[in-house]
PDB file of N, CA and C in Angstrom:
ATOM      1  N   UNK A   1       0.846  -1.196   0.000  1.00  0.00           N
ATOM      2  CA  UNK A   1       0.000   0.000   0.000  1.00  0.00           C
ATOM      3  C   UNK A   1       0.884   1.249   0.000  1.00  0.00           C
ATOM      4  N   UNK A   2       0.404   2.270  -0.665  1.00  0.00           N
ATOM      5  CA  UNK A   2       1.135   3.535  -0.701  1.00  0.00           C
ATOM      6  C   UNK A   2       0.980   4.248   0.636  1.00  0.00           C
ATOM      7  N   UNK A   3       2.082   4.767   1.164  1.00  0.00           N
ATOM      8  CA  UNK A   3       2.068   5.435   2.457  1.00  0.00           C
ATOM      9  C   UNK A   3       1.599   6.879   2.324  1.00  0.00           C
ATOM     10  N   UNK A   4       2.095   7.600   1.324  1.00  0.00           N
ATOM     11  CA  UNK A   4       1.745   9.011   1.154  1.00  0.00           C
ATOM     12  C   UNK A   4       1.477   9.306  -0.326  1.00  0.00           C
ATOM     13  N   UNK A   5       0.354   8.795  -0.866  1.00  0.00           N
ATOM     14  CA  UNK A   5       0.078   8.980  -2.285  1.00  0.00           C
ATOM     15  C   UNK A   5      -0.408  10.396  -2.602  1.00  0.00           C
ATOM     16  N   UNK A   6       0.022  10.896  -3.741  1.00  0.00           N
ATOM     17  CA  UNK A   6      -0.388  12.215  -4.239  1.00  0.00           C
ATOM     18  C   UNK A   6      -0.737  12.095  -5.718  1.00  0.00           C
ATOM     19  N   UNK A   7      -1.746  12.846  -6.138  1.00  0.00           N
ATOM     20  CA  UNK A   7      -2.007  12.981  -7.573  1.00  0.00           C
ATOM     21  C   UNK A   7      -0.961  13.905  -8.146  1.00  0.00           C
ATOM     22  N   UNK A   8      -0.504  13.621  -9.321  1.00  0.00           N
ATOM     23  CA  UNK A   8       0.372  14.518 -10.077  1.00  0.00           C
ATOM     24  C   UNK A   8      -0.431  14.882 -11.326  1.00  0.00           C
ATOM     25  N   UNK A   9      -0.848  16.139 -11.409  1.00  0.00           N
ATOM     26  CA  UNK A   9      -1.815  16.515 -12.431  1.00  0.00           C
ATOM     27  C   UNK A   9      -1.446  17.819 -13.125  1.00  0.00           C
ATOM     28  N   UNK A  10      -1.740  17.848 -14.400  1.00  0.00           N
ATOM     29  CA  UNK A  10      -1.601  19.048 -15.242  1.00  0.00           C
ATOM     30  C   UNK A  10      -2.872  19.062 -16.087  1.00  0.00           C
ATOM     31  N   UNK A  11      -3.698  20.101 -15.936  1.00  0.00           N
ATOM     32  CA  UNK A  11      -5.006  20.070 -16.593  1.00  0.00           C
ATOM     33  C   UNK A  11      -5.453  21.449 -17.068  1.00  0.00           C
ATOM     34  N   UNK A  12      -6.317  21.423 -18.077  1.00  0.00           N
ATOM     35  CA  UNK A  12      -6.973  22.622 -18.593  1.00  0.00           C
ATOM     36  C   UNK A  12      -8.334  22.178 -19.110  1.00  0.00           C
ATOM     37  N   UNK A  13      -9.244  22.292 -18.442  1.00  0.00           N
ATOM     38  CA  UNK A  13      -9.700  23.221 -17.436  1.00  0.00           C
ATOM     39  C   UNK A  13     -10.229  22.398 -16.270  1.00  0.00           C
ATOM     40  N   UNK A  14     -11.433  22.594 -15.820  1.00  0.00           N
ATOM     41  CA  UNK A  14     -11.964  21.866 -14.665  1.00  0.00           C
ATOM     42  C   UNK A  14     -11.941  20.347 -14.900  1.00  0.00           C
ATOM     43  N   UNK A  15     -11.583  19.605 -13.848  1.00  0.00           N
ATOM     44  CA  UNK A  15     -11.489  18.145 -13.985  1.00  0.00           C
ATOM     45  C   UNK A  15     -12.131  17.460 -12.784  1.00  0.00           C
ATOM     46  N   UNK A  16     -12.750  16.318 -13.047  1.00  0.00           N
ATOM     47  CA  UNK A  16     -13.298  15.448 -12.016  1.00  0.00           C
ATOM     48  C   UNK A  16     -12.642  14.083 -12.181  1.00  0.00           C
ATOM     49  N   UNK A  17     -12.260  13.494 -11.066  1.00  0.00           N
ATOM     50  CA  UNK A  17     -11.560  12.216 -11.074  1.00  0.00           C
ATOM     51  C   UNK A  17     -12.399  11.170 -10.348  1.00  0.00           C
ATOM     52  N   UNK A  18     -12.631  10.065 -11.038  1.00  0.00           N
ATOM     53  CA  UNK A  18     -13.401   8.954 -10.483  1.00  0.00           C
ATOM     54  C   UNK A  18     -12.487   7.741 -10.348  1.00  0.00           C
ATOM     55  N   UNK A  19     -12.578   7.083  -9.210  1.00  0.00           N
ATOM     56  CA  UNK A  19     -11.828   5.866  -8.960  1.00  0.00           C
ATOM     57  C   UNK A  19     -12.827   4.786  -8.560  1.00  0.00           C
ATOM     58  N   UNK A  20     -12.889   3.718  -9.351  1.00  0.00           N
ATOM     59  CA  UNK A  20     -13.853   2.638  -9.135  1.00  0.00           C
ATOM     60  C   UNK A  20     -15.284   3.170  -9.100  1.00  0.00           C
ATOM     61  N   UNK A  21     -15.575   4.162  -9.949  1.00  0.00           N
ATOM     62  CA  UNK A  21     -16.917   4.714 -10.067  1.00  0.00           C
ATOM     63  C   UNK A  21     -17.283   5.755  -9.030  1.00  0.00           C
ATOM     64  N   UNK A  22     -16.379   6.068  -8.123  1.00  0.00           N
ATOM     65  CA  UNK A  22     -16.642   7.029  -7.055  1.00  0.00           C
ATOM     66  C   UNK A  22     -15.871   8.324  -7.318  1.00  0.00           C
ATOM     67  N   UNK A  23     -16.564   9.455  -7.242  1.00  0.00           N
ATOM     68  CA  UNK A  23     -15.903  10.754  -7.386  1.00  0.00           C
ATOM     69  C   UNK A  23     -14.967  10.947  -6.205  1.00  0.00           C
ATOM     70  N   UNK A  24     -13.654  11.054  -6.481  1.00  0.00           N
ATOM     71  CA  UNK A  24     -12.678  11.156  -5.399  1.00  0.00           C
ATOM     72  C   UNK A  24     -11.917  12.471  -5.400  1.00  0.00           C
ATOM     73  N   UNK A  25     -12.033  13.274  -6.482  1.00  0.00           N
ATOM     74  CA  UNK A  25     -11.324  14.558  -6.504  1.00  0.00           C
ATOM     75  C   UNK A  25     -11.914  15.464  -7.571  1.00  0.00           C
ATOM     76  N   UNK A  26     -11.850  16.756  -7.301  1.00  0.00           N
ATOM     77  CA  UNK A  26     -12.208  17.791  -8.276  1.00  0.00           C
ATOM     78  C   UNK A  26     -11.073  18.791  -8.324  1.00  0.00           C
ATOM     79  N   UNK A  27     -10.737  19.212  -9.528  1.00  0.00           N
ATOM     80  CA  UNK A  27      -9.668  20.178  -9.743  1.00  0.00           C
ATOM     81  C   UNK A  27     -10.247  21.342 -10.543  1.00  0.00           C
ATOM     82  N   UNK A  28     -10.210  22.540  -9.987  1.00  0.00           N
ATOM     83  CA  UNK A  28     -10.821  23.704 -10.623  1.00  0.00           C
ATOM     84  C   UNK A  28      -9.826  24.479 -11.462  1.00  0.00           C
ATOM     85  N   UNK A  29     -10.348  25.153 -12.485  1.00  0.00           N
ATOM     86  CA  UNK A  29      -9.523  26.023 -13.311  1.00  0.00           C
ATOM     87  C   UNK A  29      -8.540  25.233 -14.145  1.00  0.00           C
ATOM     88  N   UNK A  30      -7.347  25.767 -14.302  1.00  0.00           N
ATOM     89  CA  UNK A  30      -6.308  25.117 -15.096  1.00  0.00           C
ATOM     90  C   UNK A  30      -4.980  25.272 -14.386  1.00  0.00           C
ATOM     91  N   UNK A  31      -4.002  24.493 -14.815  1.00  0.00           N
ATOM     92  CA  UNK A  31      -2.650  24.622 -14.271  1.00  0.00           C
ATOM     93  C   UNK A  31      -1.697  24.971 -15.402  1.00  0.00           C
ATOM     94  N   UNK A  32      -0.654  25.677 -15.082  1.00  0.00           N
ATOM     95  CA  UNK A  32       0.361  26.019 -16.085  1.00  0.00           C
ATOM     96  C   UNK A  32       1.542  25.053 -16.013  1.00  0.00           C
ATOM     97  N   UNK A  33       1.449  24.095 -15.106  1.00  0.00           N
ATOM     98  CA  UNK A  33       2.476  23.065 -14.947  1.00  0.00           C
ATOM     99  C   UNK A  33       1.925  21.964 -14.056  1.00  0.00           C
ATOM    100  N   UNK A  34       2.729  20.961 -13.808  1.00  0.00           N
ATOM    101  CA  UNK A  34       2.288  19.849 -12.965  1.00  0.00           C
ATOM    102  C   UNK A  34       2.175  20.283 -11.510  1.00  0.00           C
ATOM    103  N   UNK A  35       1.154  19.773 -10.839  1.00  0.00           N
ATOM    104  CA  UNK A  35       0.964  19.996  -9.410  1.00  0.00           C
ATOM    105  C   UNK A  35       0.888  18.646  -8.725  1.00  0.00           C
ATOM    106  N   UNK A  36       1.373  18.586  -7.504  1.00  0.00           N
ATOM    107  CA  UNK A  36       1.269  17.377  -6.699  1.00  0.00           C
ATOM    108  C   UNK A  36       0.280  17.674  -5.583  1.00  0.00           C
ATOM    109  N   UNK A  37      -0.799  16.883  -5.512  1.00  0.00           N
ATOM    110  CA  UNK A  37      -1.883  17.137  -4.573  1.00  0.00           C
ATOM    111  C   UNK A  37      -2.150  15.868  -3.771  1.00  0.00           C
ATOM    112  N   UNK A  38      -2.140  15.999  -2.445  1.00  0.00           N
ATOM    113  CA  UNK A  38      -2.385  14.852  -1.565  1.00  0.00           C
ATOM    114  C   UNK A  38      -3.782  14.291  -1.796  1.00  0.00           C
ATOM    115  N   UNK A  39      -3.900  12.977  -1.725  1.00  0.00           N
ATOM    116  CA  UNK A  39      -5.196  12.331  -1.868  1.00  0.00           C
ATOM    117  C   UNK A  39      -6.054  12.605  -0.644  1.00  0.00           C
ATOM    118  N   UNK A  40      -7.323  12.839  -0.881  1.00  0.00           N
ATOM    119  CA  UNK A  40      -8.269  12.996   0.211  1.00  0.00           C
ATOM    120  C   UNK A  40      -8.624  11.608   0.753  1.00  0.00           C
ATOM    121  N   UNK A  41      -9.181  11.541   1.970  1.00  0.00           N
ATOM    122  CA  UNK A  41      -9.468  10.241   2.591  1.00  0.00           C
ATOM    123  C   UNK A  41     -10.301   9.299   1.726  1.00  0.00           C
ATOM    124  N   UNK A  42     -11.305   9.798   1.001  1.00  0.00           N
ATOM    125  CA  UNK A  42     -12.142   8.888   0.196  1.00  0.00           C
ATOM    126  C   UNK A  42     -11.356   8.287  -0.958  1.00  0.00           C
ATOM    127  N   UNK A  43     -10.375   9.029  -1.495  1.00  0.00           N
ATOM    128  CA  UNK A  43      -9.529   8.485  -2.560  1.00  0.00           C
ATOM    129  C   UNK A  43      -8.581   7.437  -1.983  1.00  0.00           C
ATOM    130  N   UNK A  44      -8.023   7.717  -0.821  1.00  0.00           N
ATOM    131  CA  UNK A  44      -7.140   6.740  -0.163  1.00  0.00           C
ATOM    132  C   UNK A  44      -7.892   5.446   0.118  1.00  0.00           C
ATOM    133  N   UNK A  45      -9.138   5.571   0.577  1.00  0.00           N
ATOM    134  CA  UNK A  45      -9.950   4.391   0.894  1.00  0.00           C
ATOM    135  C   UNK A  45     -10.236   3.561  -0.351  1.00  0.00           C
ATOM    136  N   UNK A  46     -10.347   4.217  -1.507  1.00  0.00           N
ATOM    137  CA  UNK A  46     -10.644   3.503  -2.760  1.00  0.00           C
ATOM    138  C   UNK A  46      -9.419   2.760  -3.293  1.00  0.00           C
ATOM    139  N   UNK A  47      -8.231   3.085  -2.798  1.00  0.00           N
ATOM    140  CA  UNK A  47      -7.002   2.413  -3.239  1.00  0.00           C
ATOM    141  C   UNK A  47      -6.806   1.124  -2.439  1.00  0.00           C
ATOM    142  N   UNK A  48      -7.630   0.174  -2.731  1.00  0.00           N
ATOM    143  CA  UNK A  48      -7.535  -1.128  -2.061  1.00  0.00           C
ATOM    144  C   UNK A  48      -7.007  -2.152  -3.070  1.00  0.00           C
ATOM    145  N   UNK A  49      -6.640  -3.296  -2.591  1.00  0.00           N
ATOM    146  CA  UNK A  49      -6.083  -4.331  -3.464  1.00  0.00           C
ATOM    147  C   UNK A  49      -7.082  -4.725  -4.541  1.00  0.00           C
ATOM    148  N   UNK A  50      -6.558  -5.039  -5.720  1.00  0.00           N
ATOM    149  CA  UNK A  50      -7.398  -5.497  -6.825  1.00  0.00           C
ATOM    150  C   UNK A  50      -7.358  -4.543  -8.007  1.00  0.00           C
ATOM    151  N   UNK A  51      -8.196  -4.831  -8.979  1.00  0.00           N
ATOM    152  CA  UNK A  51      -8.266  -4.044 -10.205  1.00  0.00           C
ATOM    153  C   UNK A  51      -8.902  -2.691  -9.930  1.00  0.00           C
ATOM    154  N   UNK A  52      -8.350  -1.649 -10.550  1.00  0.00           N
ATOM    155  CA  UNK A  52      -8.860  -0.286 -10.401  1.00  0.00           C
ATOM    156  C   UNK A  52      -9.342   0.225 -11.751  1.00  0.00           C
ATOM    157  N   UNK A  53     -10.388   1.045 -11.716  1.00  0.00           N
ATOM    158  CA  UNK A  53     -10.850   1.750 -12.901  1.00  0.00           C
ATOM    159  C   UNK A  53     -10.754   3.233 -12.587  1.00  0.00           C
ATOM    160  N   UNK A  54      -9.971   3.948 -13.379  1.00  0.00           N
ATOM    161  CA  UNK A  54      -9.758   5.379 -13.203  1.00  0.00           C
ATOM    162  C   UNK A  54     -10.397   6.095 -14.387  1.00  0.00           C
ATOM    163  N   UNK A  55     -11.232   7.091 -14.098  1.00  0.00           N
ATOM    164  CA  UNK A  55     -11.881   7.855 -15.158  1.00  0.00           C
ATOM    165  C   UNK A  55     -11.765   9.334 -14.849  1.00  0.00           C
ATOM    166  N   UNK A  56     -11.544  10.116 -15.893  1.00  0.00           N
ATOM    167  CA  UNK A  56     -11.428  11.570 -15.760  1.00  0.00           C
ATOM    168  C   UNK A  56     -12.444  12.243 -16.660  1.00  0.00           C
ATOM    169  N   UNK A  57     -13.033  13.314 -16.160  1.00  0.00           N
ATOM    170  CA  UNK A  57     -13.896  14.159 -16.974  1.00  0.00           C
ATOM    171  C   UNK A  57     -13.316  15.563 -16.907  1.00  0.00           C
ATOM    172  N   UNK A  58     -13.010  16.130 -18.065  1.00  0.00           N
ATOM    173  CA  UNK A  58     -12.443  17.475 -18.132  1.00  0.00           C
ATOM    174  C   UNK A  58     -13.409  18.353 -18.909  1.00  0.00           C
ATOM    175  N   UNK A  59     -13.705  19.527 -18.365  1.00  0.00           N
ATOM    176  CA  UNK A  59     -14.624  20.458 -19.018  1.00  0.00           C
ATOM    177  C   UNK A  59     -13.854  21.691 -19.472  1.00  0.00           C
ATOM    178  N   UNK A  60     -13.986  22.032 -20.726  1.00  0.00           N
ATOM    179  CA  UNK A  60     -13.280  23.169 -21.309  1.00  0.00           C
ATOM    180  C   UNK A  60     -14.294  24.191 -21.808  1.00  0.00           C
ATOM    181  N   UNK A  61     -14.112  25.454 -21.444  1.00  0.00           N
ATOM    182  CA  UNK A  61     -15.025  26.503 -21.896  1.00  0.00           C
ATOM    183  C   UNK A  61     -14.482  27.265 -23.094  1.00  0.00           C
ATOM    184  N   UNK A  62     -13.163  27.331 -23.227  1.00  0.00           N
ATOM    185  CA  UNK A  62     -12.560  28.047 -24.351  1.00  0.00           C
ATOM    186  C   UNK A  62     -11.115  27.608 -24.529  1.00  0.00           C
ATOM    187  N   UNK A  63     -10.590  27.720 -25.726  1.00  0.00           N
ATOM    188  CA  UNK A  63      -9.192  27.385 -25.986  1.00  0.00           C
ATOM    189  C   UNK A  63      -8.933  25.901 -26.036  1.00  0.00           C
ATOM    190  N   UNK A  64      -7.658  25.535 -25.854  1.00  0.00           N
ATOM    191  CA  UNK A  64      -7.253  24.136 -25.905  1.00  0.00           C
ATOM    192  C   UNK A  64      -7.694  23.368 -24.684  1.00  0.00           C
ATOM    193  N   UNK A  65      -7.524  22.056 -24.739  1.00  0.00           N
ATOM    194  CA  UNK A  65      -7.916  21.211 -23.625  1.00  0.00           C
ATOM    195  C   UNK A  65      -6.897  20.089 -23.474  1.00  0.00           C
ATOM    196  N   UNK A  66      -6.532  19.782 -22.222  1.00  0.00           N
ATOM    197  CA  UNK A  66      -5.619  18.663 -21.981  1.00  0.00           C
ATOM    198  C   UNK A  66      -5.746  18.182 -20.546  1.00  0.00           C
ATOM    199  N   UNK A  67      -5.303  16.950 -20.322  1.00  0.00           N
ATOM    200  CA  UNK A  67      -5.242  16.370 -18.985  1.00  0.00           C
ATOM    201  C   UNK A  67      -4.108  15.351 -18.960  1.00  0.00           C
ATOM    202  N   UNK A  68      -3.336  15.369 -17.912  1.00  0.00           N
ATOM    203  CA  UNK A  68      -2.323  14.348 -17.668  1.00  0.00           C
ATOM    204  C   UNK A  68      -2.337  14.087 -16.179  1.00  0.00           C
ATOM    205  N   UNK A  69      -2.481  12.837 -15.784  1.00  0.00           N
ATOM    206  CA  UNK A  69      -2.623  12.489 -14.383  1.00  0.00           C
ATOM    207  C   UNK A  69      -1.755  11.291 -14.062  1.00  0.00           C
ATOM    208  N   UNK A  70      -1.132  11.345 -12.911  1.00  0.00           N
ATOM    209  CA  UNK A  70      -0.359  10.214 -12.410  1.00  0.00           C
ATOM    210  C   UNK A  70      -0.554  10.087 -10.908  1.00  0.00           C
ATOM    211  N   UNK A  71      -0.048   9.016 -10.351  1.00  0.00           N
ATOM    212  CA  UNK A  71      -0.104   8.783  -8.921  1.00  0.00           C
ATOM    213  C   UNK A  71       1.317   8.626  -8.422  1.00  0.00           C
ATOM    214  N   UNK A  72       1.727   9.506  -7.536  1.00  0.00           N
ATOM    215  CA  UNK A  72       3.084   9.505  -6.990  1.00  0.00           C
ATOM    216  C   UNK A  72       3.077   9.096  -5.537  1.00  0.00           C
ATOM    217  N   UNK A  73       4.144   8.452  -5.108  1.00  0.00           N
ATOM    218  CA  UNK A  73       4.395   8.189  -3.710  1.00  0.00           C
ATOM    219  C   UNK A  73       5.388   9.242  -3.243  1.00  0.00           C
ATOM    220  N   UNK A  74       4.983  10.092  -2.313  1.00  0.00           N
ATOM    221  CA  UNK A  74       5.848  11.170  -1.830  1.00  0.00           C
ATOM    222  C   UNK A  74       6.661  10.650  -0.655  1.00  0.00           C
ATOM    223  N   UNK A  75       7.961  10.751  -0.796  1.00  0.00           N
ATOM    224  CA  UNK A  75       8.875  10.291   0.250  1.00  0.00           C
ATOM    225  C   UNK A  75       9.463  11.510   0.957  1.00  0.00           C
ATOM    226  N   UNK A  76       9.467  11.506   2.272  1.00  0.00           N
ATOM    227  CA  UNK A  76      10.072  12.584   3.038  1.00  0.00           C
ATOM    228  C   UNK A  76      11.238  12.030   3.831  1.00  0.00           C
ATOM    229  N   UNK A  77      12.316  12.782   3.892  1.00  0.00           N
ATOM    230  CA  UNK A  77      13.506  12.287   4.599  1.00  0.00           C
ATOM    231  C   UNK A  77      13.304  12.226   6.104  1.00  0.00           C
TER     232      UNK A  77
END
């Protein structure tokens, strides 16, 4: 199990993240680079053993659109 998982996300524009069919995060606006964001308790709870289904919905009002998402383990010394 991951001890300190964080989303690593770069998005334009608003994004919703679903894990195993459950809404676990919302990201407002856009980013100009990657951000690392700690998982909220409901997202941590959804990271249980077995197969996972990850789905993203991104809403764009104007201009280009993109999303890139990863899951990082943050290590502190």
